[in-house]
Amino acid sequence: MSKRVYELFLFDIYVAMLKIEYVTKNFKDAQSLKYDFVAWDNVIREFEIIGEAANDLTKN
């Protein structure tokens, strides 16, 4: 497995944040987001990506 430079992990976090913002901007509250399972799953996955990238950042 090749080593990635830390800027790429930061970029992953930034892109995931933008995706979360894009998906959630039209929901008025968290409850309405929760009932849209496609949007909910997307947001959860982006938080997972943020967590994985942050974890890799601390290891490097």
C-alpha atoms as a PDB file:
ATOM      1  CA  MET A   1       0.000   0.000   0.000  1.00  0.00           C
ATOM      2  CA  SER A   2       1.409   3.351  -0.970  1.00  0.00           C
ATOM      3  CA  LYS A   3       1.668   6.213   1.467  1.00  0.00           C
ATOM      4  CA  ARG A   4      -0.502   9.224   0.784  1.00  0.00           C
ATOM      5  CA  VAL A   5       0.621  12.727   1.612  1.00  0.00           C
ATOM      6  CA  TYR A   6      -1.307  14.368   4.417  1.00  0.00           C
ATOM      7  CA  GLU A   7      -2.741  17.023   2.076  1.00  0.00           C
ATOM      8  CA  LEU A   8      -4.801  14.323   0.375  1.00  0.00           C
ATOM      9  CA  PHE A   9      -6.358  13.297   3.676  1.00  0.00           C
ATOM     10  CA  LEU A  10      -7.211  16.938   4.348  1.00  0.00           C
ATOM     11  CA  PHE A  11      -8.698  17.150   0.863  1.00  0.00           C
ATOM     12  CA  ASP A  12     -10.822  14.055   1.557  1.00  0.00           C
ATOM     13  CA  ILE A  13     -12.155  15.703   4.715  1.00  0.00           C
ATOM     14  CA  TYR A  14     -12.882  18.947   2.892  1.00  0.00           C
ATOM     15  CA  VAL A  15     -14.738  17.230   0.045  1.00  0.00           C
ATOM     16  CA  ALA A  16     -16.769  15.141   2.495  1.00  0.00           C
ATOM     17  CA  MET A  17     -17.759  18.309   4.363  1.00  0.00           C
ATOM     18  CA  LEU A  18     -18.875  19.940   1.118  1.00  0.00           C
ATOM     19  CA  LYS A  19     -20.945  16.878   0.230  1.00  0.00           C
ATOM     20  CA  ILE A  20     -22.608  16.868   3.650  1.00  0.00           C
ATOM     21  CA  GLU A  21     -23.425  20.550   3.278  1.00  0.00           C
ATOM     22  CA  TYR A  22     -24.821  20.019  -0.222  1.00  0.00           C
ATOM     23  CA  VAL A  23     -27.046  17.107   0.825  1.00  0.00           C
ATOM     24  CA  THR A  24     -28.331  18.683   4.036  1.00  0.00           C
ATOM     25  CA  LYS A  25     -28.902  22.277   2.940  1.00  0.00           C
ATOM     26  CA  ASN A  26     -32.519  21.666   1.894  1.00  0.00           C
ATOM     27  CA  PHE A  27     -33.574  19.953   5.123  1.00  0.00           C
ATOM     28  CA  LYS A  28     -35.051  22.186   7.792  1.00  0.00           C
ATOM     29  CA  ASP A  29     -34.121  19.885  10.676  1.00  0.00           C
ATOM     30  CA  ALA A  30     -32.395  16.627  11.499  1.00  0.00           C
ATOM     31  CA  GLN A  31     -35.688  14.787  11.870  1.00  0.00           C
ATOM     32  CA  SER A  32     -36.650  15.387   8.237  1.00  0.00           C
ATOM     33  CA  LEU A  33     -33.169  14.287   7.136  1.00  0.00           C
ATOM     34  CA  LYS A  34     -33.540  11.094   9.136  1.00  0.00           C
ATOM     35  CA  TYR A  35     -36.672  10.116   7.213  1.00  0.00           C
ATOM     36  CA  ASP A  36     -34.945  10.479   3.827  1.00  0.00           C
ATOM     37  CA  PHE A  37     -32.926   7.269   3.946  1.00  0.00           C
ATOM     38  CA  VAL A  38     -30.879   7.981   0.810  1.00  0.00           C
ATOM     39  CA  ALA A  39     -29.712  11.367   2.093  1.00  0.00           C
ATOM     40  CA  TRP A  40     -29.208   9.936   5.598  1.00  0.00           C
ATOM     41  CA  ASP A  41     -27.033   7.100   4.296  1.00  0.00           C
ATOM     42  CA  ASN A  42     -25.029   9.534   2.196  1.00  0.00           C
ATOM     43  CA  VAL A  43     -24.348  11.825   5.153  1.00  0.00           C
ATOM     44  CA  ILE A  44     -23.388   8.914   7.406  1.00  0.00           C
ATOM     45  CA  ARG A  45     -20.958   7.618   4.760  1.00  0.00           C
ATOM     46  CA  GLU A  46     -19.336  11.041   4.436  1.00  0.00           C
ATOM     47  CA  PHE A  47     -18.852  11.176   8.214  1.00  0.00           C
ATOM     48  CA  GLU A  48     -17.204   7.768   7.988  1.00  0.00           C
ATOM     49  CA  ILE A  49     -14.841   9.128   5.334  1.00  0.00           C
ATOM     50  CA  ILE A  50     -14.012  12.083   7.586  1.00  0.00           C
ATOM     51  CA  GLY A  51     -13.289   9.714  10.465  1.00  0.00           C
ATOM     52  CA  GLU A  52     -11.107   7.441   8.369  1.00  0.00           C
ATOM     53  CA  ALA A  53      -9.128  10.358   6.940  1.00  0.00           C
ATOM     54  CA  ALA A  54      -8.692  11.925  10.394  1.00  0.00           C
ATOM     55  CA  ASN A  55      -7.513   8.590  11.757  1.00  0.00           C
ATOM     56  CA  ASP A  56      -4.980   8.258   8.942  1.00  0.00           C
ATOM     57  CA  LEU A  57      -3.822  11.827   9.558  1.00  0.00           C
ATOM     58  CA  THR A  58      -3.017  11.062  13.182  1.00  0.00           C
ATOM     59  CA  LYS A  59      -1.063   7.959  12.173  1.00  0.00           C
ATOM     60  CA  ASN A  60       1.084   9.918   9.723  1.00  0.00           C
END
